[in-house]
Amino acid sequence: MLDQELAGAYFTSSFHILHSS
């Protein structure tokens, strides 16, 4: 479903931002 794709993108984005901080 799209929910899984959205969750993955959100998690990846959050992780990337947190790691980039």
PDB file of N, CA and C in Angstrom:
ATOM      1  N   MET A   1       0.833  -1.213   0.000  1.00  0.00           N
ATOM      2  CA  MET A   1       0.000   0.000   0.000  1.00  0.00           C
ATOM      3  C   MET A   1       0.867   1.262   0.000  1.00  0.00           C
ATOM      4  N   LEU A   2       0.231   2.386  -0.210  1.00  0.00           N
ATOM      5  CA  LEU A   2       0.964   3.647  -0.226  1.00  0.00           C
ATOM      6  C   LEU A   2       1.446   4.015   1.175  1.00  0.00           C
ATOM      7  N   ASP A   3       0.710   3.530   2.173  1.00  0.00           N
ATOM      8  CA  ASP A   3       1.084   3.835   3.560  1.00  0.00           C
ATOM      9  C   ASP A   3       2.510   3.373   3.851  1.00  0.00           C
ATOM     10  N   GLN A   4       2.833   2.164   3.375  1.00  0.00           N
ATOM     11  CA  GLN A   4       4.166   1.627   3.624  1.00  0.00           C
ATOM     12  C   GLN A   4       5.222   2.485   2.939  1.00  0.00           C
ATOM     13  N   GLU A   5       4.939   2.893   1.710  1.00  0.00           N
ATOM     14  CA  GLU A   5       5.896   3.715   0.965  1.00  0.00           C
ATOM     15  C   GLU A   5       6.077   5.054   1.658  1.00  0.00           C
ATOM     16  N   LEU A   6       4.973   5.632   2.116  1.00  0.00           N
ATOM     17  CA  LEU A   6       5.021   6.929   2.791  1.00  0.00           C
ATOM     18  C   LEU A   6       5.781   6.802   4.106  1.00  0.00           C
ATOM     19  N   ALA A   7       5.496   5.746   4.845  1.00  0.00           N
ATOM     20  CA  ALA A   7       6.173   5.525   6.128  1.00  0.00           C
ATOM     21  C   ALA A   7       7.674   5.379   5.893  1.00  0.00           C
ATOM     22  N   GLY A   8       8.047   4.632   4.869  1.00  0.00           N
ATOM     23  CA  GLY A   8       9.463   4.440   4.557  1.00  0.00           C
ATOM     24  C   GLY A   8      10.126   5.754   4.207  1.00  0.00           C
ATOM     25  N   ALA A   9       9.464   6.542   3.376  1.00  0.00           N
ATOM     26  CA  ALA A   9      10.026   7.830   2.955  1.00  0.00           C
ATOM     27  C   ALA A   9      10.151   8.758   4.156  1.00  0.00           C
ATOM     28  N   TYR A  10       9.141   8.769   4.996  1.00  0.00           N
ATOM     29  CA  TYR A  10       9.153   9.637   6.187  1.00  0.00           C
ATOM     30  C   TYR A  10      10.276   9.223   7.133  1.00  0.00           C
ATOM     31  N   PHE A  11      10.386   7.916   7.355  1.00  0.00           N
ATOM     32  CA  PHE A  11      11.419   7.406   8.253  1.00  0.00           C
ATOM     33  C   PHE A  11      12.806   7.717   7.706  1.00  0.00           C
ATOM     34  N   THR A  12      12.984   7.489   6.406  1.00  0.00           N
ATOM     35  CA  THR A  12      14.282   7.756   5.778  1.00  0.00           C
ATOM     36  C   THR A  12      14.621   9.231   5.864  1.00  0.00           C
ATOM     37  N   SER A  13      13.630  10.068   5.604  1.00  0.00           N
ATOM     38  CA  SER A  13      13.850  11.525   5.650  1.00  0.00           C
ATOM     39  C   SER A  13      14.244  11.942   7.063  1.00  0.00           C
ATOM     40  N   SER A  14      13.510  11.434   8.042  1.00  0.00           N
ATOM     41  CA  SER A  14      13.782  11.784   9.442  1.00  0.00           C
ATOM     42  C   SER A  14      15.188  11.322   9.823  1.00  0.00           C
ATOM     43  N   PHE A  15      15.516  10.101   9.419  1.00  0.00           N
ATOM     44  CA  PHE A  15      16.830   9.553   9.744  1.00  0.00           C
ATOM     45  C   PHE A  15      17.924  10.380   9.081  1.00  0.00           C
ATOM     46  N   HIS A  16      17.709  10.744   7.822  1.00  0.00           N
ATOM     47  CA  HIS A  16      18.684  11.535   7.075  1.00  0.00           C
ATOM     48  C   HIS A  16      18.887  12.893   7.735  1.00  0.00           C
ATOM     49  N   ILE A  17      17.773  13.530   8.098  1.00  0.00           N
ATOM     50  CA  ILE A  17      17.843  14.860   8.715  1.00  0.00           C
ATOM     51  C   ILE A  17      18.547  14.757  10.067  1.00  0.00           C
ATOM     52  N   LEU A  18      18.196  13.723  10.829  1.00  0.00           N
ATOM     53  CA  LEU A  18      18.798  13.552  12.149  1.00  0.00           C
ATOM     54  C   LEU A  18      20.294  13.291  12.017  1.00  0.00           C
ATOM     55  N   HIS A  19      20.677  12.519  11.009  1.00  0.00           N
ATOM     56  CA  HIS A  19      22.082  12.198  10.787  1.00  0.00           C
ATOM     57  C   HIS A  19      22.842  13.399  10.228  1.00  0.00           C
ATOM     58  N   SER A  20      22.122  14.216   9.463  1.00  0.00           N
ATOM     59  CA  SER A  20      22.747  15.388   8.834  1.00  0.00           C
ATOM     60  C   SER A  20      22.922  16.514   9.853  1.00  0.00           C
ATOM     61  N   SER A  21      22.077  16.514  10.868  1.00  0.00           N
ATOM     62  CA  SER A  21      22.122  17.569  11.877  1.00  0.00           C
ATOM     63  C   SER A  21      23.487  17.584  12.559  1.00  0.00           C
TER      64      SER A  21
END
